[in-house]
């Protein structure tokens, strides 16, 4: 994964964003193993869905979750998988394709 340090993207309040498998990070942000695992999980999700379809589903799910109880961003199935598994550095070696699907119907946070 290529890493680009940038003071404009991601937007304020975020430390990193994964765009098409490239990680954009604010200058001075420490890139932990946990952060890298989180973003690598997103890259795996993007590859299995195709990048454009991943972003379409991501935004669609976020919009739908805006009208539900809880934090819309944290309840996106892609984010739930990434947050749940970011502490497991070898998760991607055993991850099943479309693992994020099981998070779609879980209770909201």
C-alpha atoms as a PDB file:
ATOM      1  CA  UNK A   1       0.000   0.000   0.000  1.00  0.00           C
ATOM      2  CA  UNK A   2       1.393   3.377  -0.992  1.00  0.00           C
ATOM      3  CA  UNK A   3       1.283   6.053   1.689  1.00  0.00           C
ATOM      4  CA  UNK A   4       0.964   9.742   0.885  1.00  0.00           C
ATOM      5  CA  UNK A   5       1.244  12.407   3.552  1.00  0.00           C
ATOM      6  CA  UNK A   6      -1.089  15.291   2.843  1.00  0.00           C
ATOM      7  CA  UNK A   7      -2.440  18.123   4.963  1.00  0.00           C
ATOM      8  CA  UNK A   8      -5.656  18.583   2.962  1.00  0.00           C
ATOM      9  CA  UNK A   9      -6.989  15.040   2.656  1.00  0.00           C
ATOM     10  CA  UNK A  10      -8.307  13.431   4.785  1.00  0.00           C
ATOM     11  CA  UNK A  11     -10.643  16.097   6.037  1.00  0.00           C
ATOM     12  CA  UNK A  12     -10.499  17.503   9.545  1.00  0.00           C
ATOM     13  CA  UNK A  13     -11.432  14.945  12.172  1.00  0.00           C
ATOM     14  CA  UNK A  14      -9.895  12.014  10.302  1.00  0.00           C
ATOM     15  CA  UNK A  15      -6.265  10.907  10.396  1.00  0.00           C
ATOM     16  CA  UNK A  16      -6.235   8.724   7.286  1.00  0.00           C
ATOM     17  CA  UNK A  17      -8.315   7.713   4.291  1.00  0.00           C
ATOM     18  CA  UNK A  18      -7.847   4.813   1.909  1.00  0.00           C
ATOM     19  CA  UNK A  19      -8.549   5.824  -1.681  1.00  0.00           C
ATOM     20  CA  UNK A  20      -8.242   3.046  -4.233  1.00  0.00           C
ATOM     21  CA  UNK A  21      -5.632   1.236  -2.124  1.00  0.00           C
ATOM     22  CA  UNK A  22      -3.525   4.343  -1.465  1.00  0.00           C
ATOM     23  CA  UNK A  23      -3.395   5.663   2.076  1.00  0.00           C
ATOM     24  CA  UNK A  24      -3.570   9.432   2.539  1.00  0.00           C
ATOM     25  CA  UNK A  25      -2.393  10.505   5.998  1.00  0.00           C
ATOM     26  CA  UNK A  26      -1.924  13.849   7.687  1.00  0.00           C
ATOM     27  CA  UNK A  27       1.720  14.843   8.236  1.00  0.00           C
ATOM     28  CA  UNK A  28       3.003  13.824  11.640  1.00  0.00           C
ATOM     29  CA  UNK A  29       0.413  11.081  12.184  1.00  0.00           C
ATOM     30  CA  UNK A  30       1.918   7.878  13.554  1.00  0.00           C
ATOM     31  CA  UNK A  31       0.960   4.956  11.315  1.00  0.00           C
ATOM     32  CA  UNK A  32       0.467   2.106  13.752  1.00  0.00           C
ATOM     33  CA  UNK A  33       0.182  -1.578  12.891  1.00  0.00           C
ATOM     34  CA  UNK A  34      -3.454  -1.321  13.962  1.00  0.00           C
ATOM     35  CA  UNK A  35      -4.118   1.482  11.467  1.00  0.00           C
ATOM     36  CA  UNK A  36      -2.343  -0.419   8.684  1.00  0.00           C
ATOM     37  CA  UNK A  37      -4.350  -3.584   9.382  1.00  0.00           C
ATOM     38  CA  UNK A  38      -7.570  -1.544   9.363  1.00  0.00           C
ATOM     39  CA  UNK A  39      -6.733   0.031   6.009  1.00  0.00           C
ATOM     40  CA  UNK A  40      -5.511  -3.236   4.484  1.00  0.00           C
ATOM     41  CA  UNK A  41      -8.877  -4.773   5.372  1.00  0.00           C
ATOM     42  CA  UNK A  42     -10.532  -1.953   3.424  1.00  0.00           C
ATOM     43  CA  UNK A  43      -8.230  -2.630   0.472  1.00  0.00           C
ATOM     44  CA  UNK A  44      -9.255  -6.311   0.528  1.00  0.00           C
ATOM     45  CA  UNK A  45     -12.923  -5.245   0.566  1.00  0.00           C
ATOM     46  CA  UNK A  46     -12.328  -2.920  -2.377  1.00  0.00           C
ATOM     47  CA  UNK A  47     -10.598  -5.590  -4.425  1.00  0.00           C
ATOM     48  CA  UNK A  48     -13.325  -8.181  -3.930  1.00  0.00           C
ATOM     49  CA  UNK A  49     -16.100  -5.750  -4.901  1.00  0.00           C
ATOM     50  CA  UNK A  50     -14.277  -3.658  -7.435  1.00  0.00           C
ATOM     51  CA  UNK A  51     -13.250  -0.209  -6.304  1.00  0.00           C
ATOM     52  CA  UNK A  52     -16.151   1.789  -7.734  1.00  0.00           C
ATOM     53  CA  UNK A  53     -18.816  -0.627  -6.478  1.00  0.00           C
ATOM     54  CA  UNK A  54     -17.173  -0.655  -3.029  1.00  0.00           C
ATOM     55  CA  UNK A  55     -17.468   3.132  -2.783  1.00  0.00           C
ATOM     56  CA  UNK A  56     -21.030   3.053  -4.094  1.00  0.00           C
ATOM     57  CA  UNK A  57     -22.048   0.508  -1.422  1.00  0.00           C
ATOM     58  CA  UNK A  58     -20.081   2.331   1.268  1.00  0.00           C
ATOM     59  CA  UNK A  59     -21.851   5.646   0.635  1.00  0.00           C
ATOM     60  CA  UNK A  60     -25.259   3.981   0.167  1.00  0.00           C
ATOM     61  CA  UNK A  61     -24.952   2.130   3.465  1.00  0.00           C
ATOM     62  CA  UNK A  62     -23.795   5.294   5.247  1.00  0.00           C
ATOM     63  CA  UNK A  63     -26.815   7.231   3.931  1.00  0.00           C
ATOM     64  CA  UNK A  64     -29.203   4.478   5.036  1.00  0.00           C
ATOM     65  CA  UNK A  65     -27.614   4.334   8.484  1.00  0.00           C
ATOM     66  CA  UNK A  66     -28.017   8.094   8.938  1.00  0.00           C
ATOM     67  CA  UNK A  67     -31.708   7.374   9.553  1.00  0.00           C
ATOM     68  CA  UNK A  68     -31.049   4.627  12.107  1.00  0.00           C
ATOM     69  CA  UNK A  69     -30.018   4.704  15.729  1.00  0.00           C
ATOM     70  CA  UNK A  70     -26.288   4.949  16.433  1.00  0.00           C
ATOM     71  CA  UNK A  71     -23.230   6.328  14.647  1.00  0.00           C
ATOM     72  CA  UNK A  72     -23.745   5.999  10.884  1.00  0.00           C
ATOM     73  CA  UNK A  73     -20.019   5.848  10.066  1.00  0.00           C
ATOM     74  CA  UNK A  74     -19.131   3.277  12.744  1.00  0.00           C
ATOM     75  CA  UNK A  75     -22.103   1.098  11.756  1.00  0.00           C
ATOM     76  CA  UNK A  76     -21.156   0.710   8.094  1.00  0.00           C
ATOM     77  CA  UNK A  77     -20.482  -3.011   7.648  1.00  0.00           C
ATOM     78  CA  UNK A  78     -17.088  -2.350   6.026  1.00  0.00           C
ATOM     79  CA  UNK A  79     -16.015  -0.236   9.007  1.00  0.00           C
ATOM     80  CA  UNK A  80     -17.328  -2.722  11.547  1.00  0.00           C
ATOM     81  CA  UNK A  81     -15.243  -5.517  10.065  1.00  0.00           C
ATOM     82  CA  UNK A  82     -12.154  -3.286   9.911  1.00  0.00           C
ATOM     83  CA  UNK A  83     -12.556  -2.006  13.493  1.00  0.00           C
ATOM     84  CA  UNK A  84     -13.347  -5.473  14.883  1.00  0.00           C
ATOM     85  CA  UNK A  85     -10.308  -7.068  13.242  1.00  0.00           C
ATOM     86  CA  UNK A  86      -7.704  -4.273  13.276  1.00  0.00           C
ATOM     87  CA  UNK A  87      -6.039  -5.748  16.365  1.00  0.00           C
ATOM     88  CA  UNK A  88      -5.379  -9.033  14.564  1.00  0.00           C
ATOM     89  CA  UNK A  89      -2.290  -8.514  12.377  1.00  0.00           C
ATOM     90  CA  UNK A  90      -2.709 -11.878  10.619  1.00  0.00           C
ATOM     91  CA  UNK A  91      -6.449 -11.543  10.003  1.00  0.00           C
ATOM     92  CA  UNK A  92      -6.108 -11.040   6.249  1.00  0.00           C
ATOM     93  CA  UNK A  93      -4.310 -14.382   5.896  1.00  0.00           C
ATOM     94  CA  UNK A  94      -7.418 -16.214   7.108  1.00  0.00           C
ATOM     95  CA  UNK A  95     -10.147 -13.775   6.079  1.00  0.00           C
ATOM     96  CA  UNK A  96     -12.948 -15.208   3.980  1.00  0.00           C
ATOM     97  CA  UNK A  97     -14.166 -13.263   0.974  1.00  0.00           C
ATOM     98  CA  UNK A  98     -17.102 -10.969   1.691  1.00  0.00           C
ATOM     99  CA  UNK A  99     -16.560 -11.252   5.470  1.00  0.00           C
ATOM    100  CA  UNK A 100     -18.099  -7.791   5.836  1.00  0.00           C
ATOM    101  CA  UNK A 101     -21.539  -9.160   4.887  1.00  0.00           C
ATOM    102  CA  UNK A 102     -22.033 -10.724   8.330  1.00  0.00           C
ATOM    103  CA  UNK A 103     -21.849  -7.224   9.838  1.00  0.00           C
ATOM    104  CA  UNK A 104     -24.755  -5.874   7.795  1.00  0.00           C
ATOM    105  CA  UNK A 105     -27.508  -7.128  10.091  1.00  0.00           C
ATOM    106  CA  UNK A 106     -25.701  -6.871  13.426  1.00  0.00           C
ATOM    107  CA  UNK A 107     -27.092  -4.522  16.036  1.00  0.00           C
ATOM    108  CA  UNK A 108     -26.015  -0.931  15.680  1.00  0.00           C
ATOM    109  CA  UNK A 109     -23.414   0.636  17.960  1.00  0.00           C
END
